[in-house]
Every structure is written in structure tokens, then in C-alpha cells.
Amino acid sequence: MKVEIIRIGNSRGVRLPKALLEQCGFADSAELLVEKGRLVLVPTAQVRAGWLERFAQSTDGQQAEDLSYLLPDTTNIEWDDAEWHW
């Protein structure tokens, strides 16, 4: 697809059709790379993408309430009981 490079303030830009962006999985941001003299635009990965699925795999399907053993009922940390002086 041939596109026109347009002036945007002191910069230059390219208008990308919405359908093309959706087809390639772009949201609100992208990675812009230079590879072998070419500009390459890549969709950015979603922050924490896949964490929920990986967590579920790591717990063998246990529910969150089944993991309560990971948190102690009490802490034996001195500063939790002592009065703080500023």
C-alpha cells in the first residue's frame, strides 16, 4: 500500500487506515523499529498479558482461597508491635 508522508507540526507522519490497524492488533501504542533501512511498526504487548493464565497453571487450578497457606496469620516482626518515634 502506498501512503503519503504528511507534515505534523515540525514532524512527519503517515495516516494508517483503522481497518489495517485492527487487522494487525494495534491498540493505543506501538513499537517503532528500524531494521535494514526500513521502518517497522509492531503492536506493543499488553502489560501483564497472560499473567492470569500462567498463575492458574502454576497453582494447578487451585482457587485463591485455597492458597491462604501462603500468607501467615501473624507476623513476628518487632516494628509491628513497637511504637514508632519520628
PDB file of N, CA and C in Angstrom:
ATOM      1  N   MET A   1       0.854  -1.162   0.000  1.00  0.00           N
ATOM      2  CA  MET A   1       0.000   0.000   0.000  1.00  0.00           C
ATOM      3  C   MET A   1       0.904   1.230   0.000  1.00  0.00           C
ATOM      4  N   LYS A   2       0.684   2.117  -0.908  1.00  0.00           N
ATOM      5  CA  LYS A   2       1.443   3.359  -0.974  1.00  0.00           C
ATOM      6  C   LYS A   2       0.703   4.409  -0.153  1.00  0.00           C
ATOM      7  N   VAL A   3       1.445   5.082   0.746  1.00  0.00           N
ATOM      8  CA  VAL A   3       0.850   6.128   1.583  1.00  0.00           C
ATOM      9  C   VAL A   3       1.658   7.409   1.431  1.00  0.00           C
ATOM     10  N   GLU A   4       1.024   8.504   1.753  1.00  0.00           N
ATOM     11  CA  GLU A   4       1.663   9.808   1.664  1.00  0.00           C
ATOM     12  C   GLU A   4       2.243  10.187   3.020  1.00  0.00           C
ATOM     13  N   ILE A   5       3.449  10.731   3.022  1.00  0.00           N
ATOM     14  CA  ILE A   5       4.058  11.232   4.258  1.00  0.00           C
ATOM     15  C   ILE A   5       3.593  12.671   4.415  1.00  0.00           C
ATOM     16  N   ILE A   6       2.933  12.949   5.542  1.00  0.00           N
ATOM     17  CA  ILE A   6       2.345  14.271   5.767  1.00  0.00           C
ATOM     18  C   ILE A   6       3.101  15.024   6.851  1.00  0.00           C
ATOM     19  N   ARG A   7       2.963  16.337   6.840  1.00  0.00           N
ATOM     20  CA  ARG A   7       3.590  17.188   7.848  1.00  0.00           C
ATOM     21  C   ARG A   7       2.660  17.272   9.055  1.00  0.00           C
ATOM     22  N   ILE A   8       3.241  17.049  10.248  1.00  0.00           N
ATOM     23  CA  ILE A   8       2.512  17.185  11.510  1.00  0.00           C
ATOM     24  C   ILE A   8       3.381  18.072  12.392  1.00  0.00           C
ATOM     25  N   GLY A   9       3.108  19.373  12.396  1.00  0.00           N
ATOM     26  CA  GLY A   9       3.969  20.312  13.120  1.00  0.00           C
ATOM     27  C   GLY A   9       5.356  20.291  12.509  1.00  0.00           C
ATOM     28  N   ASN A  10       6.385  20.113  13.347  1.00  0.00           N
ATOM     29  CA  ASN A  10       7.758  20.022  12.858  1.00  0.00           C
ATOM     30  C   ASN A  10       8.128  18.597  12.458  1.00  0.00           C
ATOM     31  N   SER A  11       7.214  17.662  12.630  1.00  0.00           N
ATOM     32  CA  SER A  11       7.483  16.252  12.339  1.00  0.00           C
ATOM     33  C   SER A  11       6.779  15.830  11.062  1.00  0.00           C
ATOM     34  N   ARG A  12       6.920  14.585  10.732  1.00  0.00           N
ATOM     35  CA  ARG A  12       6.225  13.997   9.592  1.00  0.00           C
ATOM     36  C   ARG A  12       5.493  12.757  10.073  1.00  0.00           C
ATOM     37  N   GLY A  13       4.448  12.383   9.395  1.00  0.00           N
ATOM     38  CA  GLY A  13       3.686  11.222   9.816  1.00  0.00           C
ATOM     39  C   GLY A  13       3.031  10.514   8.656  1.00  0.00           C
ATOM     40  N   VAL A  14       2.434   9.388   8.958  1.00  0.00           N
ATOM     41  CA  VAL A  14       1.722   8.575   7.982  1.00  0.00           C
ATOM     42  C   VAL A  14       0.369   8.238   8.581  1.00  0.00           C
ATOM     43  N   ARG A  15      -0.695   8.434   7.813  1.00  0.00           N
ATOM     44  CA  ARG A  15      -2.030   8.037   8.276  1.00  0.00           C
ATOM     45  C   ARG A  15      -2.222   6.560   7.963  1.00  0.00           C
ATOM     46  N   LEU A  16      -2.662   5.831   8.969  1.00  0.00           N
ATOM     47  CA  LEU A  16      -2.882   4.398   8.806  1.00  0.00           C
ATOM     48  C   LEU A  16      -4.378   4.109   8.905  1.00  0.00           C
ATOM     49  N   PRO A  17      -4.938   3.393   7.948  1.00  0.00           N
ATOM     50  CA  PRO A  17      -6.366   3.077   7.995  1.00  0.00           C
ATOM     51  C   PRO A  17      -6.721   2.261   9.242  1.00  0.00           C
ATOM     52  N   LYS A  18      -7.860   2.585   9.843  1.00  0.00           N
ATOM     53  CA  LYS A  18      -8.314   1.908  11.054  1.00  0.00           C
ATOM     54  C   LYS A  18      -8.412   0.398  10.848  1.00  0.00           C
ATOM     55  N   ALA A  19      -8.949  -0.023   9.712  1.00  0.00           N
ATOM     56  CA  ALA A  19      -9.103  -1.459   9.445  1.00  0.00           C
ATOM     57  C   ALA A  19      -7.753  -2.163   9.429  1.00  0.00           C
ATOM     58  N   LEU A  20      -6.731  -1.512   8.904  1.00  0.00           N
ATOM     59  CA  LEU A  20      -5.390  -2.092   8.864  1.00  0.00           C
ATOM     60  C   LEU A  20      -4.822  -2.233  10.274  1.00  0.00           C
ATOM     61  N   LEU A  21      -5.023  -1.203  11.106  1.00  0.00           N
ATOM     62  CA  LEU A  21      -4.557  -1.256  12.497  1.00  0.00           C
ATOM     63  C   LEU A  21      -5.247  -2.383  13.260  1.00  0.00           C
ATOM     64  N   GLU A  22      -6.548  -2.513  13.087  1.00  0.00           N
ATOM     65  CA  GLU A  22      -7.301  -3.567  13.774  1.00  0.00           C
ATOM     66  C   GLU A  22      -6.863  -4.951  13.305  1.00  0.00           C
ATOM     67  N   GLN A  23      -6.631  -5.095  12.007  1.00  0.00           N
ATOM     68  CA  GLN A  23      -6.214  -6.378  11.444  1.00  0.00           C
ATOM     69  C   GLN A  23      -4.876  -6.826  12.020  1.00  0.00           C
ATOM     70  N   CYS A  24      -4.005  -5.857  12.326  1.00  0.00           N
ATOM     71  CA  CYS A  24      -2.670  -6.177  12.845  1.00  0.00           C
ATOM     72  C   CYS A  24      -2.609  -6.180  14.367  1.00  0.00           C
ATOM     73  N   GLY A  25      -3.726  -5.882  15.046  1.00  0.00           N
ATOM     74  CA  GLY A  25      -3.772  -5.954  16.504  1.00  0.00           C
ATOM     75  C   GLY A  25      -3.221  -4.741  17.223  1.00  0.00           C
ATOM     76  N   PHE A  26      -3.248  -3.567  16.592  1.00  0.00           N
ATOM     77  CA  PHE A  26      -2.757  -2.351  17.237  1.00  0.00           C
ATOM     78  C   PHE A  26      -3.833  -1.761  18.132  1.00  0.00           C
ATOM     79  N   ALA A  27      -3.417  -1.226  19.286  1.00  0.00           N
ATOM     80  CA  ALA A  27      -4.341  -0.543  20.201  1.00  0.00           C
ATOM     81  C   ALA A  27      -3.961   0.937  20.222  1.00  0.00           C
ATOM     82  N   ASP A  28      -3.482   1.437  21.365  1.00  0.00           N
ATOM     83  CA  ASP A  28      -3.159   2.854  21.501  1.00  0.00           C
ATOM     84  C   ASP A  28      -1.680   3.168  21.373  1.00  0.00           C
ATOM     85  N   SER A  29      -0.822   2.165  21.344  1.00  0.00           N
ATOM     86  CA  SER A  29       0.610   2.429  21.228  1.00  0.00           C
ATOM     87  C   SER A  29       1.264   1.346  20.384  1.00  0.00           C
ATOM     88  N   ALA A  30       2.490   1.634  19.949  1.00  0.00           N
ATOM     89  CA  ALA A  30       3.216   0.685  19.107  1.00  0.00           C
ATOM     90  C   ALA A  30       4.708   0.870  19.314  1.00  0.00           C
ATOM     91  N   GLU A  31       5.463  -0.143  18.947  1.00  0.00           N
ATOM     92  CA  GLU A  31       6.925  -0.070  18.939  1.00  0.00           C
ATOM     93  C   GLU A  31       7.340   0.284  17.516  1.00  0.00           C
ATOM     94  N   LEU A  32       8.200   1.286  17.372  1.00  0.00           N
ATOM     95  CA  LEU A  32       8.710   1.676  16.066  1.00  0.00           C
ATOM     96  C   LEU A  32      10.174   1.285  16.005  1.00  0.00           C
ATOM     97  N   LEU A  33      10.527   0.436  15.047  1.00  0.00           N
ATOM     98  CA  LEU A  33      11.883  -0.088  14.924  1.00  0.00           C
ATOM     99  C   LEU A  33      12.451   0.263  13.557  1.00  0.00           C
ATOM    100  N   VAL A  34      13.773   0.341  13.474  1.00  0.00           N
ATOM    101  CA  VAL A  34      14.454   0.485  12.196  1.00  0.00           C
ATOM    102  C   VAL A  34      15.229  -0.805  11.967  1.00  0.00           C
ATOM    103  N   GLU A  35      14.887  -1.511  10.893  1.00  0.00           N
ATOM    104  CA  GLU A  35      15.546  -2.777  10.569  1.00  0.00           C
ATOM    105  C   GLU A  35      15.949  -2.768   9.102  1.00  0.00           C
ATOM    106  N   LYS A  36      17.251  -2.850   8.854  1.00  0.00           N
ATOM    107  CA  LYS A  36      17.781  -2.909   7.486  1.00  0.00           C
ATOM    108  C   LYS A  36      17.244  -1.775   6.618  1.00  0.00           C
ATOM    109  N   GLY A  37      17.245  -0.560   7.164  1.00  0.00           N
ATOM    110  CA  GLY A  37      16.808   0.610   6.410  1.00  0.00           C
ATOM    111  C   GLY A  37      15.311   0.733   6.234  1.00  0.00           C
ATOM    112  N   ARG A  38      14.549  -0.011   7.008  1.00  0.00           N
ATOM    113  CA  ARG A  38      13.086   0.041   6.928  1.00  0.00           C
ATOM    114  C   ARG A  38      12.502   0.387   8.285  1.00  0.00           C
ATOM    115  N   LEU A  39      11.391   1.091   8.265  1.00  0.00           N
ATOM    116  CA  LEU A  39      10.643   1.343   9.497  1.00  0.00           C
ATOM    117  C   LEU A  39       9.683   0.179   9.704  1.00  0.00           C
ATOM    118  N   VAL A  40       9.682  -0.360  10.908  1.00  0.00           N
ATOM    119  CA  VAL A  40       8.800  -1.480  11.233  1.00  0.00           C
ATOM    120  C   VAL A  40       7.958  -1.074  12.432  1.00  0.00           C
ATOM    121  N   LEU A  41       6.666  -1.168  12.298  1.00  0.00           N
ATOM    122  CA  LEU A  41       5.728  -0.825  13.360  1.00  0.00           C
ATOM    123  C   LEU A  41       5.154  -2.121  13.918  1.00  0.00           C
ATOM    124  N   VAL A  42       5.306  -2.318  15.240  1.00  0.00           N
ATOM    125  CA  VAL A  42       4.888  -3.558  15.886  1.00  0.00           C
ATOM    126  C   VAL A  42       3.939  -3.219  17.040  1.00  0.00           C
ATOM    127  N   PRO A  43       2.811  -3.940  17.165  1.00  0.00           N
ATOM    128  CA  PRO A  43       1.921  -3.682  18.308  1.00  0.00           C
ATOM    129  C   PRO A  43       2.654  -3.948  19.618  1.00  0.00           C
ATOM    130  N   THR A  44       2.405  -3.105  20.611  1.00  0.00           N
ATOM    131  CA  THR A  44       3.027  -3.315  21.917  1.00  0.00           C
ATOM    132  C   THR A  44       2.255  -4.394  22.660  1.00  0.00           C
ATOM    133  N   ALA A  45       2.987  -5.157  23.438  1.00  0.00           N
ATOM    134  CA  ALA A  45       2.355  -6.196  24.252  1.00  0.00           C
ATOM    135  C   ALA A  45       1.585  -5.526  25.386  1.00  0.00           C
ATOM    136  N   GLN A  46       0.448  -6.079  25.721  1.00  0.00           N
ATOM    137  CA  GLN A  46      -0.332  -5.559  26.836  1.00  0.00           C
ATOM    138  C   GLN A  46       0.406  -5.839  28.140  1.00  0.00           C
ATOM    139  N   VAL A  47       0.407  -4.856  29.031  1.00  0.00           N
ATOM    140  CA  VAL A  47       1.059  -5.025  30.323  1.00  0.00           C
ATOM    141  C   VAL A  47       0.401  -6.182  31.065  1.00  0.00           C
ATOM    142  N   ARG A  48       1.211  -7.069  31.593  1.00  0.00           N
ATOM    143  CA  ARG A  48       0.762  -8.237  32.360  1.00  0.00           C
ATOM    144  C   ARG A  48      -0.105  -9.198  31.539  1.00  0.00           C
ATOM    145  N   ALA A  49       0.047  -9.151  30.218  1.00  0.00           N
ATOM    146  CA  ALA A  49      -0.725 -10.062  29.367  1.00  0.00           C
ATOM    147  C   ALA A  49      -0.367 -11.505  29.701  1.00  0.00           C
ATOM    148  N   GLY A  50      -1.373 -12.319  29.914  1.00  0.00           N
ATOM    149  CA  GLY A  50      -1.163 -13.735  30.168  1.00  0.00           C
ATOM    150  C   GLY A  50      -0.843 -14.095  31.606  1.00  0.00           C
ATOM    151  N   TRP A  51      -0.738 -13.110  32.487  1.00  0.00           N
ATOM    152  CA  TRP A  51      -0.384 -13.400  33.885  1.00  0.00           C
ATOM    153  C   TRP A  51      -1.428 -14.296  34.538  1.00  0.00           C
ATOM    154  N   LEU A  52      -2.696 -14.024  34.320  1.00  0.00           N
ATOM    155  CA  LEU A  52      -3.759 -14.797  34.965  1.00  0.00           C
ATOM    156  C   LEU A  52      -3.688 -16.265  34.544  1.00  0.00           C
ATOM    157  N   GLU A  53      -3.491 -16.498  33.248  1.00  0.00           N
ATOM    158  CA  GLU A  53      -3.402 -17.870  32.758  1.00  0.00           C
ATOM    159  C   GLU A  53      -2.182 -18.584  33.335  1.00  0.00           C
ATOM    160  N   ARG A  54      -1.039 -17.896  33.367  1.00  0.00           N
ATOM    161  CA  ARG A  54       0.170 -18.516  33.905  1.00  0.00           C
ATOM    162  C   ARG A  54       0.044 -18.771  35.403  1.00  0.00           C
ATOM    163  N   PHE A  55      -0.629 -17.870  36.125  1.00  0.00           N
ATOM    164  CA  PHE A  55      -0.840 -18.075  37.556  1.00  0.00           C
ATOM    165  C   PHE A  55      -1.712 -19.305  37.781  1.00  0.00           C
ATOM    166  N   ALA A  56      -2.774 -19.417  36.975  1.00  0.00           N
ATOM    167  CA  ALA A  56      -3.658 -20.577  37.107  1.00  0.00           C
ATOM    168  C   ALA A  56      -2.898 -21.874  36.839  1.00  0.00           C
ATOM    169  N   GLN A  57      -2.003 -21.861  35.860  1.00  0.00           N
ATOM    170  CA  GLN A  57      -1.204 -23.057  35.562  1.00  0.00           C
ATOM    171  C   GLN A  57      -0.268 -23.390  36.718  1.00  0.00           C
ATOM    172  N   SER A  58       0.301 -22.356  37.324  1.00  0.00           N
ATOM    173  CA  SER A  58       1.274 -22.595  38.392  1.00  0.00           C
ATOM    174  C   SER A  58       0.625 -23.116  39.669  1.00  0.00           C
ATOM    175  N   THR A  59      -0.668 -22.918  39.820  1.00  0.00           N
ATOM    176  CA  THR A  59      -1.365 -23.369  41.026  1.00  0.00           C
ATOM    177  C   THR A  59      -2.165 -24.640  40.779  1.00  0.00           C
ATOM    178  N   ASP A  60      -2.002 -25.235  39.613  1.00  0.00           N
ATOM    179  CA  ASP A  60      -2.726 -26.461  39.257  1.00  0.00           C
ATOM    180  C   ASP A  60      -4.230 -26.300  39.429  1.00  0.00           C
ATOM    181  N   GLY A  61      -4.753 -25.109  39.111  1.00  0.00           N
ATOM    182  CA  GLY A  61      -6.184 -24.885  39.159  1.00  0.00           C
ATOM    183  C   GLY A  61      -6.739 -24.578  40.530  1.00  0.00           C
ATOM    184  N   GLN A  62      -5.908 -24.462  41.573  1.00  0.00           N
ATOM    185  CA  GLN A  62      -6.419 -24.132  42.907  1.00  0.00           C
ATOM    186  C   GLN A  62      -7.026 -22.732  42.888  1.00  0.00           C
ATOM    187  N   GLN A  63      -8.060 -22.549  43.656  1.00  0.00           N
ATOM    188  CA  GLN A  63      -8.669 -21.235  43.787  1.00  0.00           C
ATOM    189  C   GLN A  63      -7.859 -20.394  44.764  1.00  0.00           C
ATOM    190  N   ALA A  64      -8.035 -19.073  44.704  1.00  0.00           N
ATOM    191  CA  ALA A  64      -7.273 -18.161  45.561  1.00  0.00           C
ATOM    192  C   ALA A  64      -7.448 -18.491  47.037  1.00  0.00           C
ATOM    193  N   GLU A  65      -8.673 -18.868  47.457  1.00  0.00           N
ATOM    194  CA  GLU A  65      -8.880 -19.172  48.868  1.00  0.00           C
ATOM    195  C   GLU A  65      -8.107 -20.422  49.296  1.00  0.00           C
ATOM    196  N   ASP A  66      -7.799 -21.302  48.354  1.00  0.00           N
ATOM    197  CA  ASP A  66      -7.007 -22.491  48.667  1.00  0.00           C
ATOM    198  C   ASP A  66      -5.534 -22.151  48.876  1.00  0.00           C
ATOM    199  N   LEU A  67      -5.140 -20.945  48.502  1.00  0.00           N
ATOM    200  CA  LEU A  67      -3.741 -20.539  48.607  1.00  0.00           C
ATOM    201  C   LEU A  67      -3.475 -19.709  49.859  1.00  0.00           C
ATOM    202  N   SER A  68      -4.412 -19.702  50.808  1.00  0.00           N
ATOM    203  CA  SER A  68      -4.258 -18.891  52.011  1.00  0.00           C
ATOM    204  C   SER A  68      -3.054 -19.311  52.841  1.00  0.00           C
ATOM    205  N   TYR A  69      -2.590 -20.545  52.651  1.00  0.00           N
ATOM    206  CA  TYR A  69      -1.415 -21.001  53.400  1.00  0.00           C
ATOM    207  C   TYR A  69      -0.160 -20.207  53.037  1.00  0.00           C
ATOM    208  N   LEU A  70      -0.210 -19.481  51.939  1.00  0.00           N
ATOM    209  CA  LEU A  70       0.947 -18.680  51.542  1.00  0.00           C
ATOM    210  C   LEU A  70       1.113 -17.437  52.411  1.00  0.00           C
ATOM    211  N   LEU A  71       0.033 -17.013  53.066  1.00  0.00           N
ATOM    212  CA  LEU A  71       0.082 -15.827  53.916  1.00  0.00           C
ATOM    213  C   LEU A  71      -0.014 -16.248  55.372  1.00  0.00           C
ATOM    214  N   PRO A  72       0.948 -15.859  56.192  1.00  0.00           N
ATOM    215  CA  PRO A  72       0.892 -16.236  57.607  1.00  0.00           C
ATOM    216  C   PRO A  72      -0.239 -15.494  58.320  1.00  0.00           C
ATOM    217  N   ASP A  73      -0.776 -16.116  59.374  1.00  0.00           N
ATOM    218  CA  ASP A  73      -1.832 -15.481  60.160  1.00  0.00           C
ATOM    219  C   ASP A  73      -1.289 -14.300  60.951  1.00  0.00           C
ATOM    220  N   THR A  74      -0.080 -14.424  61.423  1.00  0.00           N
ATOM    221  CA  THR A  74       0.545 -13.348  62.196  1.00  0.00           C
ATOM    222  C   THR A  74       1.963 -13.145  61.696  1.00  0.00           C
ATOM    223  N   THR A  75       2.484 -11.977  62.017  1.00  0.00           N
ATOM    224  CA  THR A  75       3.885 -11.703  61.695  1.00  0.00           C
ATOM    225  C   THR A  75       4.649 -11.531  62.995  1.00  0.00           C
ATOM    226  N   ASN A  76       5.843 -11.968  63.013  1.00  0.00           N
ATOM    227  CA  ASN A  76       6.697 -11.824  64.189  1.00  0.00           C
ATOM    228  C   ASN A  76       7.748 -10.756  63.928  1.00  0.00           C
ATOM    229  N   ILE A  77       7.291  -9.624  63.480  1.00  0.00           N
ATOM    230  CA  ILE A  77       8.206  -8.529  63.180  1.00  0.00           C
ATOM    231  C   ILE A  77       8.083  -7.491  64.283  1.00  0.00           C
ATOM    232  N   GLU A  78       9.191  -7.180  64.890  1.00  0.00           N
ATOM    233  CA  GLU A  78       9.249  -6.302  66.058  1.00  0.00           C
ATOM    234  C   GLU A  78       8.598  -4.944  65.811  1.00  0.00           C
ATOM    235  N   TRP A  79       8.838  -4.345  64.651  1.00  0.00           N
ATOM    236  CA  TRP A  79       8.340  -2.993  64.437  1.00  0.00           C
ATOM    237  C   TRP A  79       6.824  -2.940  64.252  1.00  0.00           C
ATOM    238  N   ASP A  80       6.163  -4.080  64.067  1.00  0.00           N
ATOM    239  CA  ASP A  80       4.711  -4.081  64.005  1.00  0.00           C
ATOM    240  C   ASP A  80       4.104  -3.789  65.376  1.00  0.00           C
ATOM    241  N   ASP A  81       4.798  -4.189  66.444  1.00  0.00           N
ATOM    242  CA  ASP A  81       4.283  -4.025  67.797  1.00  0.00           C
ATOM    243  C   ASP A  81       4.845  -2.796  68.504  1.00  0.00           C
ATOM    244  N   ALA A  82       6.034  -2.368  68.120  1.00  0.00           N
ATOM    245  CA  ALA A  82       6.696  -1.254  68.812  1.00  0.00           C
ATOM    246  C   ALA A  82       6.122   0.086  68.355  1.00  0.00           C
ATOM    247  N   GLU A  83       6.177   1.065  69.245  1.00  0.00           N
ATOM    248  CA  GLU A  83       5.741   2.420  68.930  1.00  0.00           C
ATOM    249  C   GLU A  83       6.840   3.106  68.126  1.00  0.00           C
ATOM    250  N   TRP A  84       6.459   3.760  67.067  1.00  0.00           N
ATOM    251  CA  TRP A  84       7.440   4.444  66.214  1.00  0.00           C
ATOM    252  C   TRP A  84       7.695   5.847  66.744  1.00  0.00           C
ATOM    253  N   HIS A  85       8.932   6.274  66.709  1.00  0.00           N
ATOM    254  CA  HIS A  85       9.305   7.634  67.117  1.00  0.00           C
ATOM    255  C   HIS A  85       9.915   8.344  65.921  1.00  0.00           C
ATOM    256  N   TRP A  86       9.366   9.484  65.593  1.00  0.00           N
ATOM    257  CA  TRP A  86       9.853  10.240  64.427  1.00  0.00           C
ATOM    258  C   TRP A  86      10.731  11.367  64.851  1.00  0.00           C
TER     259      TRP A  86
END
